[in-house]
Amino acid sequence: SADNVDPIAFERDALARIGMPDEMVMRHRTPHFAHIFA
């Protein structure tokens, strides 16, 4: 279930769990990730 999800905080926490390097960002950040949200 996904009530009151903050997408940016969720993205940040998910990346922290996998150890995303600080010097990089996702190829498609959540607010423009058209593959999965358009």
Full PDB file with SEQRES, HELIX, SHEET, SSBOND, CRYST1, ORIGX, SCALE, CONECT and MASTER records, all heavy atoms in Angstrom:
SEQRES   1 A   38  SER ALA ASP ASN VAL ASP PRO ILE ALA PHE GLU ARG ASP          
SEQRES   2 A   38  ALA LEU ALA ARG ILE GLY MET PRO ASP GLU MET VAL MET          
SEQRES   3 A   38  ARG HIS ARG THR PRO HIS PHE ALA HIS ILE PHE ALA              
HELIX    1 AA1 PRO A    7  ILE A   18  1                                  12    
HELIX    2 AA2 THR A   30  HIS A   32  5                                   3    
HELIX    3 AA3 ALA A   34  PHE A   37  1                                   4    
CRYST1    1.000    1.000    1.000  90.00  90.00  90.00 P 1           1          
ORIGX1      1.000000  0.000000  0.000000        0.00000                         
ORIGX2      0.000000  1.000000  0.000000        0.00000                         
ORIGX3      0.000000  0.000000  1.000000        0.00000                         
SCALE1      1.000000  0.000000  0.000000        0.00000                         
SCALE2      0.000000  1.000000  0.000000        0.00000                         
SCALE3      0.000000  0.000000  1.000000        0.00000                         
ATOM      1  N   SER A   1       0.885  -1.168   0.000  1.00  0.00           N  
ATOM      2  CA  SER A   1       0.000   0.000   0.000  1.00  0.00           C  
ATOM      3  C   SER A   1       0.918   1.211   0.000  1.00  0.00           C  
ATOM      4  O   SER A   1       2.080   1.125   0.400  1.00  0.00           O  
ATOM      5  CB  SER A   1      -0.921   0.011   1.217  1.00  0.00           C  
ATOM      6  OG  SER A   1      -0.164   0.085   2.414  1.00  0.00           O  
ATOM      7  N   ALA A   2       0.377   2.345  -0.426  1.00  0.00           N  
ATOM      8  CA  ALA A   2       1.283   3.486  -0.637  1.00  0.00           C  
ATOM      9  C   ALA A   2       0.585   4.801  -0.320  1.00  0.00           C  
ATOM     10  O   ALA A   2       0.593   5.738  -1.108  1.00  0.00           O  
ATOM     11  CB  ALA A   2       1.795   3.483  -2.082  1.00  0.00           C  
ATOM     12  N   ASP A   3      -0.014   4.888   0.847  1.00  0.00           N  
ATOM     13  CA  ASP A   3      -0.633   6.136   1.260  1.00  0.00           C  
ATOM     14  C   ASP A   3       0.440   7.138   1.682  1.00  0.00           C  
ATOM     15  O   ASP A   3       1.397   6.789   2.382  1.00  0.00           O  
ATOM     16  CB  ASP A   3      -1.590   5.894   2.431  1.00  0.00           C  
ATOM     17  CG  ASP A   3      -2.787   5.047   2.023  1.00  0.00           C  
ATOM     18  OD1 ASP A   3      -3.129   5.075   0.823  1.00  0.00           O  
ATOM     19  OD2 ASP A   3      -3.356   4.361   2.887  1.00  0.00           O  
ATOM     20  N   ASN A   4       0.274   8.355   1.233  1.00  0.00           N  
ATOM     21  CA  ASN A   4       1.140   9.467   1.655  1.00  0.00           C  
ATOM     22  C   ASN A   4       2.619   9.249   1.346  1.00  0.00           C  
ATOM     23  O   ASN A   4       3.496   9.620   2.131  1.00  0.00           O  
ATOM     24  CB  ASN A   4       0.968   9.736   3.162  1.00  0.00           C  
ATOM     25  CG  ASN A   4      -0.468  10.036   3.523  1.00  0.00           C  
ATOM     26  OD1 ASN A   4      -1.120  10.834   2.851  1.00  0.00           O  
ATOM     27  ND2 ASN A   4      -0.969   9.379   4.565  1.00  0.00           N  
ATOM     28  N   VAL A   5       2.902   8.650   0.211  1.00  0.00           N  
ATOM     29  CA  VAL A   5       4.303   8.482  -0.193  1.00  0.00           C  
ATOM     30  C   VAL A   5       4.864   9.821  -0.657  1.00  0.00           C  
ATOM     31  O   VAL A   5       4.239  10.535  -1.440  1.00  0.00           O  
ATOM     32  CB  VAL A   5       4.417   7.453  -1.332  1.00  0.00           C  
ATOM     33  CG1 VAL A   5       5.804   7.490  -1.971  1.00  0.00           C  
ATOM     34  CG2 VAL A   5       4.134   6.060  -0.809  1.00  0.00           C  
ATOM     35  N   ASP A   6       6.030  10.170  -0.153  1.00  0.00           N  
ATOM     36  CA  ASP A   6       6.776  11.335  -0.647  1.00  0.00           C  
ATOM     37  C   ASP A   6       7.772  10.793  -1.676  1.00  0.00           C  
ATOM     38  O   ASP A   6       8.758  10.161  -1.309  1.00  0.00           O  
ATOM     39  CB  ASP A   6       7.509  12.019   0.502  1.00  0.00           C  
ATOM     40  CG  ASP A   6       8.348  13.216   0.042  1.00  0.00           C  
ATOM     41  OD1 ASP A   6       8.693  13.296  -1.159  1.00  0.00           O  
ATOM     42  OD2 ASP A   6       8.674  14.060   0.891  1.00  0.00           O  
ATOM     43  N   PRO A   7       7.538  11.004  -2.969  1.00  0.00           N  
ATOM     44  CA  PRO A   7       8.377  10.353  -3.985  1.00  0.00           C  
ATOM     45  C   PRO A   7       9.852  10.692  -3.876  1.00  0.00           C  
ATOM     46  O   PRO A   7      10.700   9.818  -4.100  1.00  0.00           O  
ATOM     47  CB  PRO A   7       7.791  10.870  -5.309  1.00  0.00           C  
ATOM     48  CG  PRO A   7       6.393  11.245  -4.989  1.00  0.00           C  
ATOM     49  CD  PRO A   7       6.432  11.770  -3.584  1.00  0.00           C  
ATOM     50  N   ILE A   8      10.173  11.940  -3.557  1.00  0.00           N  
ATOM     51  CA  ILE A   8      11.586  12.324  -3.492  1.00  0.00           C  
ATOM     52  C   ILE A   8      12.260  11.679  -2.291  1.00  0.00           C  
ATOM     53  O   ILE A   8      13.381  11.162  -2.394  1.00  0.00           O  
ATOM     54  CB  ILE A   8      11.729  13.856  -3.450  1.00  0.00           C  
ATOM     55  CG1 ILE A   8      11.032  14.487  -4.664  1.00  0.00           C  
ATOM     56  CG2 ILE A   8      13.202  14.250  -3.413  1.00  0.00           C  
ATOM     57  CD1 ILE A   8      11.495  13.964  -6.000  1.00  0.00           C  
ATOM     58  N   ALA A   9      11.572  11.670  -1.140  1.00  0.00           N  
ATOM     59  CA  ALA A   9      12.138  11.013   0.041  1.00  0.00           C  
ATOM     60  C   ALA A   9      12.256   9.512  -0.191  1.00  0.00           C  
ATOM     61  O   ALA A   9      13.248   8.879   0.215  1.00  0.00           O  
ATOM     62  CB  ALA A   9      11.262  11.296   1.259  1.00  0.00           C  
ATOM     63  N   PHE A  10      11.263   8.919  -0.849  1.00  0.00           N  
ATOM     64  CA  PHE A  10      11.310   7.485  -1.130  1.00  0.00           C  
ATOM     65  C   PHE A  10      12.491   7.170  -2.037  1.00  0.00           C  
ATOM     66  O   PHE A  10      13.234   6.197  -1.800  1.00  0.00           O  
ATOM     67  CB  PHE A  10      10.003   7.044  -1.782  1.00  0.00           C  
ATOM     68  CG  PHE A  10       9.894   5.554  -1.973  1.00  0.00           C  
ATOM     69  CD1 PHE A  10       9.302   4.759  -1.012  1.00  0.00           C  
ATOM     70  CD2 PHE A  10      10.399   4.942  -3.117  1.00  0.00           C  
ATOM     71  CE1 PHE A  10       9.202   3.383  -1.185  1.00  0.00           C  
ATOM     72  CE2 PHE A  10      10.315   3.575  -3.295  1.00  0.00           C  
ATOM     73  CZ  PHE A  10       9.714   2.794  -2.329  1.00  0.00           C  
ATOM     74  N   GLU A  11      12.667   7.971  -3.076  1.00  0.00           N  
ATOM     75  CA  GLU A  11      13.806   7.781  -3.983  1.00  0.00           C  
ATOM     76  C   GLU A  11      15.125   7.883  -3.212  1.00  0.00           C  
ATOM     77  O   GLU A  11      16.021   7.034  -3.370  1.00  0.00           O  
ATOM     78  CB  GLU A  11      13.754   8.825  -5.090  1.00  0.00           C  
ATOM     79  CG  GLU A  11      14.961   8.828  -6.027  1.00  0.00           C  
ATOM     80  CD  GLU A  11      14.963  10.048  -6.939  1.00  0.00           C  
ATOM     81  OE1 GLU A  11      14.102  10.121  -7.830  1.00  0.00           O  
ATOM     82  OE2 GLU A  11      15.840  10.921  -6.758  1.00  0.00           O  
ATOM     83  N   ARG A  12      15.236   8.911  -2.381  1.00  0.00           N  
ATOM     84  CA  ARG A  12      16.473   9.114  -1.609  1.00  0.00           C  
ATOM     85  C   ARG A  12      16.759   7.917  -0.701  1.00  0.00           C  
ATOM     86  O   ARG A  12      17.892   7.417  -0.636  1.00  0.00           O  
ATOM     87  CB  ARG A  12      16.348  10.392  -0.779  1.00  0.00           C  
ATOM     88  CG  ARG A  12      17.602  10.728   0.030  1.00  0.00           C  
ATOM     89  CD  ARG A  12      17.438  12.030   0.804  1.00  0.00           C  
ATOM     90  NE  ARG A  12      16.329  11.941   1.757  1.00  0.00           N  
ATOM     91  CZ  ARG A  12      15.203  12.657   1.664  1.00  0.00           C  
ATOM     92  NH1 ARG A  12      15.026  13.503   0.657  1.00  0.00           N  
ATOM     93  NH2 ARG A  12      14.258  12.528   2.582  1.00  0.00           N  
ATOM     94  N   ASP A  13      15.724   7.425   0.000  1.00  0.00           N  
ATOM     95  CA  ASP A  13      15.924   6.304   0.920  1.00  0.00           C  
ATOM     96  C   ASP A  13      16.253   5.018   0.167  1.00  0.00           C  
ATOM     97  O   ASP A  13      17.094   4.215   0.611  1.00  0.00           O  
ATOM     98  CB  ASP A  13      14.673   6.106   1.774  1.00  0.00           C  
ATOM     99  CG  ASP A  13      14.412   7.265   2.721  1.00  0.00           C  
ATOM    100  OD1 ASP A  13      15.344   8.075   2.939  1.00  0.00           O  
ATOM    101  OD2 ASP A  13      13.284   7.366   3.237  1.00  0.00           O  
ATOM    102  N   ALA A  14      15.598   4.806  -0.965  1.00  0.00           N  
ATOM    103  CA  ALA A  14      15.868   3.598  -1.756  1.00  0.00           C  
ATOM    104  C   ALA A  14      17.306   3.600  -2.255  1.00  0.00           C  
ATOM    105  O   ALA A  14      17.992   2.563  -2.240  1.00  0.00           O  
ATOM    106  CB  ALA A  14      14.893   3.506  -2.923  1.00  0.00           C  
ATOM    107  N   LEU A  15      17.787   4.754  -2.703  1.00  0.00           N  
ATOM    108  CA  LEU A  15      19.166   4.847  -3.187  1.00  0.00           C  
ATOM    109  C   LEU A  15      20.160   4.668  -2.052  1.00  0.00           C  
ATOM    110  O   LEU A  15      21.236   4.074  -2.235  1.00  0.00           O  
ATOM    111  CB  LEU A  15      19.375   6.185  -3.889  1.00  0.00           C  
ATOM    112  CG  LEU A  15      18.587   6.377  -5.194  1.00  0.00           C  
ATOM    113  CD1 LEU A  15      18.779   7.793  -5.732  1.00  0.00           C  
ATOM    114  CD2 LEU A  15      19.008   5.360  -6.241  1.00  0.00           C  
ATOM    115  N   ALA A  16      19.816   5.176  -0.877  1.00  0.00           N  
ATOM    116  CA  ALA A  16      20.715   5.013   0.280  1.00  0.00           C  
ATOM    117  C   ALA A  16      20.853   3.538   0.645  1.00  0.00           C  
ATOM    118  O   ALA A  16      21.946   3.074   1.003  1.00  0.00           O  
ATOM    119  CB  ALA A  16      20.186   5.819   1.464  1.00  0.00           C  
ATOM    120  N   ARG A  17      19.756   2.794   0.560  1.00  0.00           N  
ATOM    121  CA  ARG A  17      19.807   1.368   0.916  1.00  0.00           C  
ATOM    122  C   ARG A  17      20.743   0.583   0.015  1.00  0.00           C  
ATOM    123  O   ARG A  17      21.385  -0.372   0.459  1.00  0.00           O  
ATOM    124  CB  ARG A  17      18.400   0.762   0.849  1.00  0.00           C  
ATOM    125  CG  ARG A  17      17.521   1.070   2.031  1.00  0.00           C  
ATOM    126  CD  ARG A  17      16.313   0.151   2.083  1.00  0.00           C  
ATOM    127  NE  ARG A  17      15.480   0.238   0.889  1.00  0.00           N  
ATOM    128  CZ  ARG A  17      14.518   1.132   0.715  1.00  0.00           C  
ATOM    129  NH1 ARG A  17      14.272   2.037   1.649  1.00  0.00           N  
ATOM    130  NH2 ARG A  17      13.793   1.134  -0.392  1.00  0.00           N  
ATOM    131  N   ILE A  18      20.823   0.952  -1.244  1.00  0.00           N  
ATOM    132  CA  ILE A  18      21.678   0.191  -2.160  1.00  0.00           C  
ATOM    133  C   ILE A  18      23.085   0.782  -2.268  1.00  0.00           C  
ATOM    134  O   ILE A  18      23.934   0.236  -2.968  1.00  0.00           O  
ATOM    135  CB  ILE A  18      21.043   0.097  -3.561  1.00  0.00           C  
ATOM    136  CG1 ILE A  18      20.835   1.486  -4.183  1.00  0.00           C  
ATOM    137  CG2 ILE A  18      19.745  -0.685  -3.502  1.00  0.00           C  
ATOM    138  CD1 ILE A  18      20.306   1.457  -5.611  1.00  0.00           C  
ATOM    139  N   GLY A  19      23.325   1.900  -1.580  1.00  0.00           N  
ATOM    140  CA  GLY A  19      24.657   2.506  -1.605  1.00  0.00           C  
ATOM    141  C   GLY A  19      24.949   3.264  -2.892  1.00  0.00           C  
ATOM    142  O   GLY A  19      26.058   3.186  -3.431  1.00  0.00           O  
ATOM    143  N   MET A  20      23.984   4.040  -3.364  1.00  0.00           N  
ATOM    144  CA  MET A  20      24.188   4.844  -4.569  1.00  0.00           C  
ATOM    145  C   MET A  20      25.319   5.841  -4.328  1.00  0.00           C  
ATOM    146  O   MET A  20      25.314   6.582  -3.352  1.00  0.00           O  
ATOM    147  CB  MET A  20      22.897   5.597  -4.906  1.00  0.00           C  
ATOM    148  CG  MET A  20      22.986   6.433  -6.164  1.00  0.00           C  
ATOM    149  SD  MET A  20      23.010   5.380  -7.635  1.00  0.00           S  
ATOM    150  CE  MET A  20      22.785   6.618  -8.928  1.00  0.00           C  
ATOM    151  N   PRO A  21      26.308   5.885  -5.216  1.00  0.00           N  
ATOM    152  CA  PRO A  21      27.420   6.829  -5.040  1.00  0.00           C  
ATOM    153  C   PRO A  21      26.925   8.277  -5.051  1.00  0.00           C  
ATOM    154  O   PRO A  21      26.035   8.643  -5.818  1.00  0.00           O  
ATOM    155  CB  PRO A  21      28.315   6.548  -6.251  1.00  0.00           C  
ATOM    156  CG  PRO A  21      27.952   5.163  -6.683  1.00  0.00           C  
ATOM    157  CD  PRO A  21      26.495   5.010  -6.384  1.00  0.00           C  
ATOM    158  N   ASP A  22      27.521   9.104  -4.189  1.00  0.00           N  
ATOM    159  CA  ASP A  22      27.123  10.513  -4.090  1.00  0.00           C  
ATOM    160  C   ASP A  22      27.395  11.272  -5.379  1.00  0.00           C  
ATOM    161  O   ASP A  22      26.768  12.302  -5.637  1.00  0.00           O  
ATOM    162  CB  ASP A  22      27.866  11.201  -2.943  1.00  0.00           C  
ATOM    163  CG  ASP A  22      27.461  10.646  -1.583  1.00  0.00           C  
ATOM    164  OD1 ASP A  22      26.347  10.090  -1.472  1.00  0.00           O  
ATOM    165  OD2 ASP A  22      28.263  10.760  -0.634  1.00  0.00           O  
ATOM    166  N   GLU A  23      28.342  10.789  -6.170  1.00  0.00           N  
ATOM    167  CA  GLU A  23      28.758  11.510  -7.371  1.00  0.00           C  
ATOM    168  C   GLU A  23      27.835  11.273  -8.564  1.00  0.00           C  
ATOM    169  O   GLU A  23      28.070  11.790  -9.653  1.00  0.00           O  
ATOM    170  CB  GLU A  23      30.178  11.071  -7.766  1.00  0.00           C  
ATOM    171  CG  GLU A  23      31.229  11.311  -6.692  1.00  0.00           C  
ATOM    172  CD  GLU A  23      31.304  10.192  -5.658  1.00  0.00           C  
ATOM    173  OE1 GLU A  23      30.524   9.200  -5.788  1.00  0.00           O  
ATOM    174  OE2 GLU A  23      32.113  10.295  -4.726  1.00  0.00           O  
ATOM    175  N   MET A  24      26.772  10.491  -8.364  1.00  0.00           N  
ATOM    176  CA  MET A  24      25.903  10.098  -9.471  1.00  0.00           C  
ATOM    177  C   MET A  24      24.449  10.350  -9.124  1.00  0.00           C  
ATOM    178  O   MET A  24      24.083  10.429  -7.954  1.00  0.00           O  
ATOM    179  CB  MET A  24      26.075   8.605  -9.784  1.00  0.00           C  
ATOM    180  CG  MET A  24      27.429   8.206 -10.285  1.00  0.00           C  
ATOM    181  SD  MET A  24      27.452   6.430 -10.657  1.00  0.00           S  
ATOM    182  CE  MET A  24      26.136   6.318 -11.880  1.00  0.00           C  
ATOM    183  N   VAL A  25      23.621  10.425 -10.152  1.00  0.00           N  
ATOM    184  CA  VAL A  25      22.170  10.380  -9.972  1.00  0.00           C  
ATOM    185  C   VAL A  25      21.629   9.301 -10.903  1.00  0.00           C  
ATOM    186  O   VAL A  25      22.322   8.815 -11.800  1.00  0.00           O  
ATOM    187  CB  VAL A  25      21.491  11.733 -10.287  1.00  0.00           C  
ATOM    188  CG1 VAL A  25      22.033  12.836  -9.399  1.00  0.00           C  
ATOM    189  CG2 VAL A  25      21.644  12.099 -11.757  1.00  0.00           C  
ATOM    190  N   MET A  26      20.374   8.938 -10.668  1.00  0.00           N  
ATOM    191  CA  MET A  26      19.713   7.980 -11.540  1.00  0.00           C  
ATOM    192  C   MET A  26      19.667   8.521 -12.972  1.00  0.00           C  
ATOM    193  O   MET A  26      19.607   9.726 -13.187  1.00  0.00           O  
ATOM    194  CB  MET A  26      18.275   7.740 -11.065  1.00  0.00           C  
ATOM    195  CG  MET A  26      18.154   7.163  -9.685  1.00  0.00           C  
ATOM    196  SD  MET A  26      16.481   7.429  -8.995  1.00  0.00           S  
ATOM    197  CE  MET A  26      15.452   6.564 -10.180  1.00  0.00           C  
ATOM    198  N   ARG A  27      19.662   7.621 -13.933  1.00  0.00           N  
ATOM    199  CA  ARG A  27      19.545   8.038 -15.331  1.00  0.00           C  
ATOM    200  C   ARG A  27      18.214   8.763 -15.561  1.00  0.00           C  
ATOM    201  O   ARG A  27      18.146   9.714 -16.349  1.00  0.00           O  
ATOM    202  CB  ARG A  27      19.647   6.813 -16.246  1.00  0.00           C  
ATOM    203  CG  ARG A  27      19.586   7.140 -17.740  1.00  0.00           C  
ATOM    204  CD  ARG A  27      19.923   5.915 -18.564  1.00  0.00           C  
ATOM    205  NE  ARG A  27      19.819   6.156 -19.995  1.00  0.00           N  
ATOM    206  CZ  ARG A  27      20.769   6.714 -20.749  1.00  0.00           C  
ATOM    207  NH1 ARG A  27      21.902   7.106 -20.180  1.00  0.00           N  
ATOM    208  NH2 ARG A  27      20.595   6.884 -22.038  1.00  0.00           N  
ATOM    209  N   HIS A  28      17.172   8.310 -14.895  1.00  0.00           N  
ATOM    210  CA  HIS A  28      15.860   8.962 -14.974  1.00  0.00           C  
ATOM    211  C   HIS A  28      15.357   9.150 -13.544  1.00  0.00           C  
ATOM    212  O   HIS A  28      14.872   8.188 -12.939  1.00  0.00           O  
ATOM    213  CB  HIS A  28      14.855   8.106 -15.751  1.00  0.00           C  
ATOM    214  CG  HIS A  28      15.309   7.688 -17.107  1.00  0.00           C  
ATOM    215  ND1 HIS A  28      15.418   8.557 -18.166  1.00  0.00           N  
ATOM    216  CD2 HIS A  28      15.678   6.474 -17.574  1.00  0.00           C  
ATOM    217  CE1 HIS A  28      15.836   7.899 -19.227  1.00  0.00           C  
ATOM    218  NE2 HIS A  28      16.006   6.639 -18.897  1.00  0.00           N  
ATOM    219  N   ARG A  29      15.460  10.361 -13.026  1.00  0.00           N  
ATOM    220  CA  ARG A  29      14.952  10.576 -11.680  1.00  0.00           C  
ATOM    221  C   ARG A  29      13.420  10.495 -11.677  1.00  0.00           C  
ATOM    222  O   ARG A  29      12.751  10.683 -12.687  1.00  0.00           O  
ATOM    223  CB  ARG A  29      15.431  11.920 -11.134  1.00  0.00           C  
ATOM    224  CG  ARG A  29      16.936  11.910 -10.794  1.00  0.00           C  
ATOM    225  CD  ARG A  29      17.319  13.045  -9.856  1.00  0.00           C  
ATOM    226  NE  ARG A  29      16.509  13.052  -8.663  1.00  0.00           N  
ATOM    227  CZ  ARG A  29      15.638  14.015  -8.354  1.00  0.00           C  
ATOM    228  NH1 ARG A  29      15.477  15.064  -9.151  1.00  0.00           N  
ATOM    229  NH2 ARG A  29      14.935  13.945  -7.244  1.00  0.00           N  
ATOM    230  N   THR A  30      12.862  10.216 -10.520  1.00  0.00           N  
ATOM    231  CA  THR A  30      11.442   9.887 -10.397  1.00  0.00           C  
ATOM    232  C   THR A  30      10.498  10.903 -11.047  1.00  0.00           C  
ATOM    233  O   THR A  30       9.582  10.505 -11.779  1.00  0.00           O  
ATOM    234  CB  THR A  30      11.091   9.696  -8.908  1.00  0.00           C  
ATOM    235  OG1 THR A  30      11.868   8.608  -8.386  1.00  0.00           O  
ATOM    236  CG2 THR A  30       9.621   9.400  -8.720  1.00  0.00           C  
ATOM    237  N   PRO A  31      10.667  12.231 -10.856  1.00  0.00           N  
ATOM    238  CA  PRO A  31       9.664  13.160 -11.397  1.00  0.00           C  
ATOM    239  C   PRO A  31       9.617  13.234 -12.923  1.00  0.00           C  
ATOM    240  O   PRO A  31       8.677  13.809 -13.471  1.00  0.00           O  
ATOM    241  CB  PRO A  31      10.086  14.515 -10.798  1.00  0.00           C  
ATOM    242  CG  PRO A  31      10.879  14.174  -9.590  1.00  0.00           C  
ATOM    243  CD  PRO A  31      11.618  12.923  -9.966  1.00  0.00           C  
ATOM    244  N   HIS A  32      10.633  12.687 -13.615  1.00  0.00           N  
ATOM    245  CA  HIS A  32      10.562  12.644 -15.078  1.00  0.00           C  
ATOM    246  C   HIS A  32      10.789  11.231 -15.620  1.00  0.00           C  
ATOM    247  O   HIS A  32      11.095  11.064 -16.793  1.00  0.00           O  
ATOM    248  CB  HIS A  32      11.564  13.625 -15.715  1.00  0.00           C  
ATOM    249  CG  HIS A  32      12.979  13.444 -15.281  1.00  0.00           C  
ATOM    250  ND1 HIS A  32      13.562  14.218 -14.305  1.00  0.00           N  
ATOM    251  CD2 HIS A  32      13.939  12.592 -15.684  1.00  0.00           C  
ATOM    252  CE1 HIS A  32      14.813  13.845 -14.130  1.00  0.00           C  
ATOM    253  NE2 HIS A  32      15.060  12.856 -14.954  1.00  0.00           N  
ATOM    254  N   PHE A  33      10.564  10.227 -14.789  1.00  0.00           N  
ATOM    255  CA  PHE A  33      10.786   8.825 -15.172  1.00  0.00           C  
ATOM    256  C   PHE A  33       9.585   8.360 -16.006  1.00  0.00           C  
ATOM    257  O   PHE A  33       8.711   7.623 -15.552  1.00  0.00           O  
ATOM    258  CB  PHE A  33      10.947   7.977 -13.915  1.00  0.00           C  
ATOM    259  CG  PHE A  33      11.643   6.650 -14.119  1.00  0.00           C  
ATOM    260  CD1 PHE A  33      12.064   5.914 -13.016  1.00  0.00           C  
ATOM    261  CD2 PHE A  33      11.895   6.131 -15.385  1.00  0.00           C  
ATOM    262  CE1 PHE A  33      12.703   4.698 -13.171  1.00  0.00           C  
ATOM    263  CE2 PHE A  33      12.532   4.911 -15.555  1.00  0.00           C  
ATOM    264  CZ  PHE A  33      12.931   4.190 -14.433  1.00  0.00           C  
ATOM    265  N   ALA A  34       9.568   8.815 -17.268  1.00  0.00           N  
ATOM    266  CA  ALA A  34       8.412   8.592 -18.132  1.00  0.00           C  
ATOM    267  C   ALA A  34       8.185   7.117 -18.433  1.00  0.00           C  
ATOM    268  O   ALA A  34       7.042   6.692 -18.655  1.00  0.00           O  
ATOM    269  CB  ALA A  34       8.572   9.381 -19.428  1.00  0.00           C  
ATOM    270  N   HIS A  35       9.243   6.321 -18.459  1.00  0.00           N  
ATOM    271  CA  HIS A  35       9.077   4.889 -18.727  1.00  0.00           C  
ATOM    272  C   HIS A  35       8.050   4.270 -17.785  1.00  0.00           C  
ATOM    273  O   HIS A  35       7.306   3.370 -18.185  1.00  0.00           O  
ATOM    274  CB  HIS A  35      10.403   4.147 -18.537  1.00  0.00           C  
ATOM    275  CG  HIS A  35      11.370   4.299 -19.654  1.00  0.00           C  
ATOM    276  ND1 HIS A  35      12.143   5.425 -19.811  1.00  0.00           N  
ATOM    277  CD2 HIS A  35      11.706   3.469 -20.674  1.00  0.00           C  
ATOM    278  CE1 HIS A  35      12.913   5.275 -20.872  1.00  0.00           C  
ATOM    279  NE2 HIS A  35      12.664   4.104 -21.422  1.00  0.00           N  
ATOM    280  N   ILE A  36       8.011   4.714 -16.539  1.00  0.00           N  
ATOM    281  CA  ILE A  36       7.165   4.037 -15.553  1.00  0.00           C  
ATOM    282  C   ILE A  36       5.991   4.879 -15.067  1.00  0.00           C  
ATOM    283  O   ILE A  36       5.061   4.331 -14.472  1.00  0.00           O  
ATOM    284  CB  ILE A  36       7.991   3.529 -14.343  1.00  0.00           C  
ATOM    285  CG1 ILE A  36       8.564   4.678 -13.515  1.00  0.00           C  
ATOM    286  CG2 ILE A  36       9.098   2.607 -14.808  1.00  0.00           C  
ATOM    287  CD1 ILE A  36       9.207   4.211 -12.216  1.00  0.00           C  
ATOM    288  N   PHE A  37       5.996   6.192 -15.331  1.00  0.00           N  
ATOM    289  CA  PHE A  37       4.895   7.023 -14.841  1.00  0.00           C  
ATOM    290  C   PHE A  37       4.089   7.707 -15.940  1.00  0.00           C  
ATOM    291  O   PHE A  37       3.005   8.219 -15.675  1.00  0.00           O  
ATOM    292  CB  PHE A  37       5.407   8.055 -13.840  1.00  0.00           C  
ATOM    293  CG  PHE A  37       5.900   7.443 -12.559  1.00  0.00           C  
ATOM    294  CD1 PHE A  37       7.225   7.561 -12.167  1.00  0.00           C  
ATOM    295  CD2 PHE A  37       5.032   6.719 -11.753  1.00  0.00           C  
ATOM    296  CE1 PHE A  37       7.680   6.978 -10.995  1.00  0.00           C  
ATOM    297  CE2 PHE A  37       5.476   6.122 -10.579  1.00  0.00           C  
ATOM    298  CZ  PHE A  37       6.807   6.254 -10.194  1.00  0.00           C  
ATOM    299  N   ALA A  38       4.568   7.746 -17.178  1.00  0.00           N  
ATOM    300  CA  ALA A  38       3.762   8.266 -18.291  1.00  0.00           C  
ATOM    301  C   ALA A  38       3.050   7.078 -18.934  1.00  0.00           C  
ATOM    302  O   ALA A  38       3.221   6.771 -20.108  1.00  0.00           O  
ATOM    303  CB  ALA A  38       4.636   9.003 -19.294  1.00  0.00           C  
TER     304      ALA A  38                                                      
MASTER        0    0    0    3    0    0    0    6  303    1    0    3          
END                                                                             
